[in-house]
Amino acid sequence: MKNCYKLAITAAIVGFGLGTLNVAQAATVSLTSSNQGWWSTDRSNQNQNENYITGNLGIEGFRSFFTFDLGTLARVSTATLQVQRYEGSVNPTTTLGFFDVETSADVLSQKVNNPDINIYNDLGSGKNYGTFNVTNTFGNSDEILNFVLNSDAIADINARSGKFFSIGGALLGVLETEDQVQVLFGASGDSSAILVVDADLVPVPEPATLSGITLAGITGWWLKRKRKAFQAL
């Protein structure tokens, strides 16, 4: 009788494991930005403004951010940030960098609190997720630009599984002078950034598996009661 009881428990554990493995599958997932925009050194802003202009308009600096809800992602192997080009300044090529963000997602979303030099600095410093040369004046404004993020970004995405994940954007090597205009993504905000990842989904037991676990549990309880009954005889 003891062996039968152990067998019922084993069946429940094995059934749960098999059901979980059936759901854990790799997939390409596209996450739409849950919030995006800019933070500035000098300019005020509004929460509903999703323009992600990045660069300098004279002495006014702008750095962008994109926040994504990672939802049920379990393990990410690749990540590509997709944003629409919109308008750039006359510079033929600009160097764009993406960075980790320490500012929490809820604070980033309160763009009405612009300007904020600390958040501005945060969006363009720290761990680098990739550096890219982007043409400013060539290309269709409707073009979707693809930025393949590096291993540091992948590691941070995996560390934030089930939470919000933010990316900061900044132009590199920009000199702040009164007559300088050097920007990317001007007049943006009509489209949302997309984070495309190859990932596993968080395993969730299938309904059939849950039924099997329940049945196995009931069987184990019945066998245990039968054992006690035989011991009482």
C-alpha atoms as a PDB file:
ATOM      1  CA  MET A   1       0.000   0.000   0.000  1.00  0.00           C
ATOM      2  CA  LYS A   2       2.877   2.394   0.751  1.00  0.00           C
ATOM      3  CA  ASN A   3       4.240   1.823  -2.767  1.00  0.00           C
ATOM      4  CA  CYS A   4       0.840   2.642  -4.280  1.00  0.00           C
ATOM      5  CA  TYR A   5       0.677   5.909  -2.321  1.00  0.00           C
ATOM      6  CA  LYS A   6       4.168   6.923  -3.482  1.00  0.00           C
ATOM      7  CA  LEU A   7       3.214   6.064  -7.057  1.00  0.00           C
ATOM      8  CA  ALA A   8       0.212   8.418  -6.942  1.00  0.00           C
ATOM      9  CA  ILE A   9       2.373  11.295  -5.701  1.00  0.00           C
ATOM     10  CA  THR A  10       4.984  10.555  -8.372  1.00  0.00           C
ATOM     11  CA  ALA A  11       2.291  10.580 -11.055  1.00  0.00           C
ATOM     12  CA  ALA A  12       1.173  14.042  -9.920  1.00  0.00           C
ATOM     13  CA  ILE A  13       4.718  15.436 -10.064  1.00  0.00           C
ATOM     14  CA  VAL A  14       5.476  13.871 -13.467  1.00  0.00           C
ATOM     15  CA  GLY A  15       2.130  15.019 -14.861  1.00  0.00           C
ATOM     16  CA  PHE A  16       2.818  18.595 -13.762  1.00  0.00           C
ATOM     17  CA  GLY A  17       6.288  18.543 -15.327  1.00  0.00           C
ATOM     18  CA  LEU A  18       5.040  17.186 -18.649  1.00  0.00           C
ATOM     19  CA  GLY A  19       2.255  19.739 -18.817  1.00  0.00           C
ATOM     20  CA  THR A  20       4.683  22.592 -18.155  1.00  0.00           C
ATOM     21  CA  LEU A  21       7.118  21.431 -20.831  1.00  0.00           C
ATOM     22  CA  ASN A  22       4.292  21.357 -23.378  1.00  0.00           C
ATOM     23  CA  VAL A  23       3.743  25.111 -22.898  1.00  0.00           C
ATOM     24  CA  ALA A  24       7.354  26.382 -22.655  1.00  0.00           C
ATOM     25  CA  GLN A  25       8.099  27.146 -26.317  1.00  0.00           C
ATOM     26  CA  ALA A  26      10.346  29.673 -28.040  1.00  0.00           C
ATOM     27  CA  ALA A  27       8.688  32.447 -30.033  1.00  0.00           C
ATOM     28  CA  THR A  28       9.355  35.784 -31.717  1.00  0.00           C
ATOM     29  CA  VAL A  29       7.458  38.420 -29.757  1.00  0.00           C
ATOM     30  CA  SER A  30       6.849  42.080 -30.670  1.00  0.00           C
ATOM     31  CA  LEU A  31       6.296  44.371 -27.690  1.00  0.00           C
ATOM     32  CA  THR A  32       4.747  47.787 -28.299  1.00  0.00           C
ATOM     33  CA  SER A  33       6.097  50.622 -26.167  1.00  0.00           C
ATOM     34  CA  SER A  34       3.881  51.194 -23.134  1.00  0.00           C
ATOM     35  CA  ASN A  35       5.361  54.683 -22.796  1.00  0.00           C
ATOM     36  CA  GLN A  36       7.898  56.757 -24.698  1.00  0.00           C
ATOM     37  CA  GLY A  37       9.084  60.338 -25.032  1.00  0.00           C
ATOM     38  CA  TRP A  38      11.889  62.695 -24.102  1.00  0.00           C
ATOM     39  CA  TRP A  39      13.483  64.412 -21.138  1.00  0.00           C
ATOM     40  CA  SER A  40      15.254  67.744 -21.546  1.00  0.00           C
ATOM     41  CA  THR A  41      17.756  70.035 -19.914  1.00  0.00           C
ATOM     42  CA  ASP A  42      15.605  73.117 -20.483  1.00  0.00           C
ATOM     43  CA  ARG A  43      12.229  72.397 -22.129  1.00  0.00           C
ATOM     44  CA  SER A  44       8.890  71.685 -20.404  1.00  0.00           C
ATOM     45  CA  ASN A  45       6.798  68.728 -21.556  1.00  0.00           C
ATOM     46  CA  GLN A  46       3.409  67.016 -21.216  1.00  0.00           C
ATOM     47  CA  ASN A  47       2.580  63.447 -20.201  1.00  0.00           C
ATOM     48  CA  GLN A  48       0.590  62.741 -23.373  1.00  0.00           C
ATOM     49  CA  ASN A  49       3.454  63.825 -25.647  1.00  0.00           C
ATOM     50  CA  GLU A  50       5.080  60.679 -27.112  1.00  0.00           C
ATOM     51  CA  ASN A  51       7.501  62.547 -29.380  1.00  0.00           C
ATOM     52  CA  TYR A  52      10.954  60.942 -28.916  1.00  0.00           C
ATOM     53  CA  ILE A  53      13.169  63.629 -30.455  1.00  0.00           C
ATOM     54  CA  THR A  54      16.821  63.000 -29.579  1.00  0.00           C
ATOM     55  CA  GLY A  55      19.659  65.530 -29.802  1.00  0.00           C
ATOM     56  CA  ASN A  56      20.141  69.273 -29.469  1.00  0.00           C
ATOM     57  CA  LEU A  57      18.221  72.350 -30.535  1.00  0.00           C
ATOM     58  CA  GLY A  58      20.735  75.036 -29.731  1.00  0.00           C
ATOM     59  CA  ILE A  59      21.433  74.845 -26.003  1.00  0.00           C
ATOM     60  CA  GLU A  60      18.379  72.659 -25.357  1.00  0.00           C
ATOM     61  CA  GLY A  61      19.236  68.994 -25.047  1.00  0.00           C
ATOM     62  CA  PHE A  62      16.784  66.112 -25.585  1.00  0.00           C
ATOM     63  CA  ARG A  63      17.199  62.432 -24.751  1.00  0.00           C
ATOM     64  CA  SER A  64      14.592  59.807 -25.511  1.00  0.00           C
ATOM     65  CA  PHE A  65      13.260  56.789 -23.663  1.00  0.00           C
ATOM     66  CA  PHE A  66      11.167  53.751 -24.511  1.00  0.00           C
ATOM     67  CA  THR A  67       9.478  51.590 -21.856  1.00  0.00           C
ATOM     68  CA  PHE A  68       8.182  48.069 -22.473  1.00  0.00           C
ATOM     69  CA  ASP A  69       6.084  45.710 -20.372  1.00  0.00           C
ATOM     70  CA  LEU A  70       7.969  42.395 -20.600  1.00  0.00           C
ATOM     71  CA  GLY A  71       4.873  40.478 -19.515  1.00  0.00           C
ATOM     72  CA  THR A  72       5.297  36.700 -19.663  1.00  0.00           C
ATOM     73  CA  LEU A  73       8.750  36.571 -21.278  1.00  0.00           C
ATOM     74  CA  ALA A  74      10.977  34.034 -19.535  1.00  0.00           C
ATOM     75  CA  ARG A  75      14.272  34.038 -21.443  1.00  0.00           C
ATOM     76  CA  VAL A  76      15.311  36.351 -24.284  1.00  0.00           C
ATOM     77  CA  SER A  77      18.087  35.474 -26.757  1.00  0.00           C
ATOM     78  CA  THR A  78      17.894  38.456 -29.186  1.00  0.00           C
ATOM     79  CA  ALA A  79      16.333  41.926 -29.087  1.00  0.00           C
ATOM     80  CA  THR A  80      15.838  44.567 -31.793  1.00  0.00           C
ATOM     81  CA  LEU A  81      14.468  48.053 -31.138  1.00  0.00           C
ATOM     82  CA  GLN A  82      12.368  49.361 -34.047  1.00  0.00           C
ATOM     83  CA  VAL A  83      11.594  53.097 -34.332  1.00  0.00           C
ATOM     84  CA  GLN A  84      10.339  55.282 -37.155  1.00  0.00           C
ATOM     85  CA  ARG A  85      12.900  57.677 -38.643  1.00  0.00           C
ATOM     86  CA  TYR A  86      10.762  60.855 -38.921  1.00  0.00           C
ATOM     87  CA  GLU A  87      12.917  63.999 -39.373  1.00  0.00           C
ATOM     88  CA  GLY A  88      16.587  64.758 -38.774  1.00  0.00           C
ATOM     89  CA  SER A  89      18.867  67.764 -38.973  1.00  0.00           C
ATOM     90  CA  VAL A  90      21.223  68.601 -41.844  1.00  0.00           C
ATOM     91  CA  ASN A  91      24.117  66.525 -40.521  1.00  0.00           C
ATOM     92  CA  PRO A  92      24.836  63.663 -42.952  1.00  0.00           C
ATOM     93  CA  THR A  93      25.422  61.115 -40.172  1.00  0.00           C
ATOM     94  CA  THR A  94      24.805  61.112 -36.419  1.00  0.00           C
ATOM     95  CA  THR A  95      26.008  58.657 -33.798  1.00  0.00           C
ATOM     96  CA  LEU A  96      23.155  57.330 -31.644  1.00  0.00           C
ATOM     97  CA  GLY A  97      23.650  55.380 -28.433  1.00  0.00           C
ATOM     98  CA  PHE A  98      21.187  53.379 -26.346  1.00  0.00           C
ATOM     99  CA  PHE A  99      21.673  52.944 -22.608  1.00  0.00           C
ATOM    100  CA  ASP A 100      20.293  51.289 -19.507  1.00  0.00           C
ATOM    101  CA  VAL A 101      17.906  53.379 -17.385  1.00  0.00           C
ATOM    102  CA  GLU A 102      17.938  53.484 -13.596  1.00  0.00           C
ATOM    103  CA  THR A 103      14.955  55.843 -13.346  1.00  0.00           C
ATOM    104  CA  SER A 104      11.798  53.822 -12.654  1.00  0.00           C
ATOM    105  CA  ALA A 105       9.145  53.496 -15.360  1.00  0.00           C
ATOM    106  CA  ASP A 106       6.514  55.360 -13.348  1.00  0.00           C
ATOM    107  CA  VAL A 107       8.837  58.347 -12.868  1.00  0.00           C
ATOM    108  CA  LEU A 108       9.783  58.359 -16.563  1.00  0.00           C
ATOM    109  CA  SER A 109       6.116  58.474 -17.529  1.00  0.00           C
ATOM    110  CA  GLN A 110       5.625  61.754 -15.637  1.00  0.00           C
ATOM    111  CA  LYS A 111       7.054  63.856 -18.463  1.00  0.00           C
ATOM    112  CA  VAL A 112       5.220  66.867 -17.087  1.00  0.00           C
ATOM    113  CA  ASN A 113       8.079  67.129 -14.569  1.00  0.00           C
ATOM    114  CA  ASN A 114      10.486  68.228 -17.328  1.00  0.00           C
ATOM    115  CA  PRO A 115      13.110  69.596 -17.330  1.00  0.00           C
ATOM    116  CA  ASP A 116      15.129  67.271 -15.088  1.00  0.00           C
ATOM    117  CA  ILE A 117      18.900  67.144 -15.500  1.00  0.00           C
ATOM    118  CA  ASN A 118      19.263  63.930 -13.458  1.00  0.00           C
ATOM    119  CA  ILE A 119      16.837  61.950 -15.644  1.00  0.00           C
ATOM    120  CA  TYR A 120      18.360  63.535 -18.768  1.00  0.00           C
ATOM    121  CA  ASN A 121      21.817  62.344 -17.683  1.00  0.00           C
ATOM    122  CA  ASP A 122      20.479  58.888 -16.813  1.00  0.00           C
ATOM    123  CA  LEU A 123      19.126  58.374 -20.349  1.00  0.00           C
ATOM    124  CA  GLY A 124      22.567  58.855 -21.902  1.00  0.00           C
ATOM    125  CA  SER A 125      24.954  57.190 -19.473  1.00  0.00           C
ATOM    126  CA  GLY A 126      25.697  53.906 -17.773  1.00  0.00           C
ATOM    127  CA  LYS A 127      25.583  50.541 -19.523  1.00  0.00           C
ATOM    128  CA  ASN A 128      25.703  50.876 -23.306  1.00  0.00           C
ATOM    129  CA  TYR A 129      23.193  48.746 -25.263  1.00  0.00           C
ATOM    130  CA  GLY A 130      24.650  49.602 -28.660  1.00  0.00           C
ATOM    131  CA  THR A 131      26.047  52.487 -30.743  1.00  0.00           C
ATOM    132  CA  PHE A 132      24.782  53.174 -34.272  1.00  0.00           C
ATOM    133  CA  ASN A 133      25.534  55.593 -37.105  1.00  0.00           C
ATOM    134  CA  VAL A 134      22.275  57.028 -38.466  1.00  0.00           C
ATOM    135  CA  THR A 135      21.916  59.198 -41.551  1.00  0.00           C
ATOM    136  CA  ASN A 136      19.992  62.390 -40.824  1.00  0.00           C
ATOM    137  CA  THR A 137      18.986  63.791 -44.161  1.00  0.00           C
ATOM    138  CA  PHE A 138      18.770  60.672 -46.321  1.00  0.00           C
ATOM    139  CA  GLY A 139      15.928  58.181 -46.226  1.00  0.00           C
ATOM    140  CA  ASN A 140      12.159  58.170 -46.050  1.00  0.00           C
ATOM    141  CA  SER A 141      10.699  59.708 -42.886  1.00  0.00           C
ATOM    142  CA  ASP A 142       8.337  56.703 -42.721  1.00  0.00           C
ATOM    143  CA  GLU A 143      11.229  54.238 -42.692  1.00  0.00           C
ATOM    144  CA  ILE A 144      11.436  51.893 -39.693  1.00  0.00           C
ATOM    145  CA  LEU A 145      14.981  51.760 -38.332  1.00  0.00           C
ATOM    146  CA  ASN A 146      16.173  48.521 -36.725  1.00  0.00           C
ATOM    147  CA  PHE A 147      18.695  48.645 -33.894  1.00  0.00           C
ATOM    148  CA  VAL A 148      20.013  45.245 -32.790  1.00  0.00           C
ATOM    149  CA  LEU A 149      20.767  45.497 -29.070  1.00  0.00           C
ATOM    150  CA  ASN A 150      23.854  43.869 -27.559  1.00  0.00           C
ATOM    151  CA  SER A 151      24.417  41.217 -24.893  1.00  0.00           C
ATOM    152  CA  ASP A 152      24.239  43.743 -22.043  1.00  0.00           C
ATOM    153  CA  ALA A 153      20.714  44.658 -23.133  1.00  0.00           C
ATOM    154  CA  ILE A 154      19.775  40.973 -23.392  1.00  0.00           C
ATOM    155  CA  ALA A 155      21.044  40.336 -19.862  1.00  0.00           C
ATOM    156  CA  ASP A 156      19.081  43.287 -18.453  1.00  0.00           C
ATOM    157  CA  ILE A 157      15.898  42.263 -20.291  1.00  0.00           C
ATOM    158  CA  ASN A 158      16.179  38.798 -18.779  1.00  0.00           C
ATOM    159  CA  ALA A 159      16.798  40.292 -15.331  1.00  0.00           C
ATOM    160  CA  ARG A 160      13.583  42.344 -15.683  1.00  0.00           C
ATOM    161  CA  SER A 161      11.378  39.423 -16.757  1.00  0.00           C
ATOM    162  CA  GLY A 162       7.736  40.083 -15.841  1.00  0.00           C
ATOM    163  CA  LYS A 163       8.452  43.778 -15.152  1.00  0.00           C
ATOM    164  CA  PHE A 164       8.904  47.043 -17.045  1.00  0.00           C
ATOM    165  CA  PHE A 165      12.107  47.602 -19.027  1.00  0.00           C
ATOM    166  CA  SER A 166      13.289  50.999 -20.274  1.00  0.00           C
ATOM    167  CA  ILE A 167      15.871  52.048 -22.867  1.00  0.00           C
ATOM    168  CA  GLY A 168      17.464  55.501 -23.012  1.00  0.00           C
ATOM    169  CA  GLY A 169      18.571  57.149 -26.266  1.00  0.00           C
ATOM    170  CA  ALA A 170      21.192  59.902 -26.709  1.00  0.00           C
ATOM    171  CA  LEU A 171      23.256  61.441 -29.487  1.00  0.00           C
ATOM    172  CA  LEU A 172      26.967  61.013 -28.855  1.00  0.00           C
ATOM    173  CA  GLY A 173      29.642  63.635 -29.400  1.00  0.00           C
ATOM    174  CA  VAL A 174      27.150  66.514 -29.538  1.00  0.00           C
ATOM    175  CA  LEU A 175      28.477  69.990 -28.704  1.00  0.00           C
ATOM    176  CA  GLU A 176      25.929  72.270 -27.076  1.00  0.00           C
ATOM    177  CA  THR A 177      26.220  75.614 -28.872  1.00  0.00           C
ATOM    178  CA  GLU A 178      23.604  78.262 -29.448  1.00  0.00           C
ATOM    179  CA  ASP A 179      23.559  77.873 -33.226  1.00  0.00           C
ATOM    180  CA  GLN A 180      23.687  74.072 -33.407  1.00  0.00           C
ATOM    181  CA  VAL A 181      20.754  71.896 -34.446  1.00  0.00           C
ATOM    182  CA  GLN A 182      21.584  68.206 -34.395  1.00  0.00           C
ATOM    183  CA  VAL A 183      18.630  65.877 -33.885  1.00  0.00           C
ATOM    184  CA  LEU A 184      17.056  62.569 -34.837  1.00  0.00           C
ATOM    185  CA  PHE A 185      13.374  61.597 -34.741  1.00  0.00           C
ATOM    186  CA  GLY A 186      12.071  65.151 -34.963  1.00  0.00           C
ATOM    187  CA  ALA A 187       8.286  65.588 -35.233  1.00  0.00           C
ATOM    188  CA  SER A 188       7.808  61.999 -34.008  1.00  0.00           C
ATOM    189  CA  GLY A 189       5.136  60.663 -31.682  1.00  0.00           C
ATOM    190  CA  ASP A 190       2.534  59.335 -34.138  1.00  0.00           C
ATOM    191  CA  SER A 191       3.924  55.806 -33.910  1.00  0.00           C
ATOM    192  CA  SER A 192       5.067  53.590 -31.051  1.00  0.00           C
ATOM    193  CA  ALA A 193       8.462  51.944 -30.801  1.00  0.00           C
ATOM    194  CA  ILE A 194       8.546  48.148 -31.014  1.00  0.00           C
ATOM    195  CA  LEU A 195      10.880  45.747 -29.199  1.00  0.00           C
ATOM    196  CA  VAL A 196      11.159  42.496 -31.164  1.00  0.00           C
ATOM    197  CA  VAL A 197      12.614  39.606 -29.166  1.00  0.00           C
ATOM    198  CA  ASP A 198      13.213  35.896 -29.586  1.00  0.00           C
ATOM    199  CA  ALA A 199      12.128  34.474 -26.249  1.00  0.00           C
ATOM    200  CA  ASP A 200      10.561  31.701 -24.239  1.00  0.00           C
ATOM    201  CA  LEU A 201       7.203  32.304 -22.597  1.00  0.00           C
ATOM    202  CA  VAL A 202       6.678  31.721 -18.871  1.00  0.00           C
ATOM    203  CA  PRO A 203       5.459  28.099 -18.497  1.00  0.00           C
ATOM    204  CA  VAL A 204       1.814  27.798 -17.399  1.00  0.00           C
ATOM    205  CA  PRO A 205       0.226  24.380 -16.716  1.00  0.00           C
ATOM    206  CA  GLU A 206      -2.445  23.411 -19.237  1.00  0.00           C
ATOM    207  CA  PRO A 207      -6.019  22.867 -17.960  1.00  0.00           C
ATOM    208  CA  ALA A 208      -5.743  19.135 -18.719  1.00  0.00           C
ATOM    209  CA  THR A 209      -2.567  19.004 -16.634  1.00  0.00           C
ATOM    210  CA  LEU A 210      -4.238  20.750 -13.734  1.00  0.00           C
ATOM    211  CA  SER A 211      -7.083  18.195 -13.892  1.00  0.00           C
ATOM    212  CA  GLY A 212      -4.537  15.386 -13.823  1.00  0.00           C
ATOM    213  CA  ILE A 213      -2.805  16.906 -10.806  1.00  0.00           C
ATOM    214  CA  THR A 214      -6.115  17.214  -8.978  1.00  0.00           C
ATOM    215  CA  LEU A 215      -7.081  13.604  -9.782  1.00  0.00           C
ATOM    216  CA  ALA A 216      -3.688  12.295  -8.709  1.00  0.00           C
ATOM    217  CA  GLY A 217      -3.949  14.256  -5.469  1.00  0.00           C
ATOM    218  CA  ILE A 218      -7.385  12.808  -4.715  1.00  0.00           C
ATOM    219  CA  THR A 219      -6.111   9.299  -5.480  1.00  0.00           C
ATOM    220  CA  GLY A 220      -3.202   9.782  -3.076  1.00  0.00           C
ATOM    221  CA  TRP A 221      -5.535  11.030  -0.339  1.00  0.00           C
ATOM    222  CA  TRP A 222      -7.856   8.011  -0.837  1.00  0.00           C
ATOM    223  CA  LEU A 223      -4.988   5.547  -0.682  1.00  0.00           C
ATOM    224  CA  LYS A 224      -3.679   7.182   2.464  1.00  0.00           C
ATOM    225  CA  ARG A 225      -7.086   6.841   4.144  1.00  0.00           C
ATOM    226  CA  LYS A 226      -7.309   3.184   3.074  1.00  0.00           C
ATOM    227  CA  ARG A 227      -3.884   2.561   4.594  1.00  0.00           C
ATOM    228  CA  LYS A 228      -5.008   4.052   7.917  1.00  0.00           C
ATOM    229  CA  ALA A 229      -8.144   1.896   7.801  1.00  0.00           C
ATOM    230  CA  PHE A 230      -6.093  -1.303   7.357  1.00  0.00           C
ATOM    231  CA  GLN A 231      -3.762  -0.275  10.193  1.00  0.00           C
ATOM    232  CA  ALA A 232      -6.795   0.115  12.499  1.00  0.00           C
ATOM    233  CA  LEU A 233      -7.952  -3.487  11.867  1.00  0.00           C
END
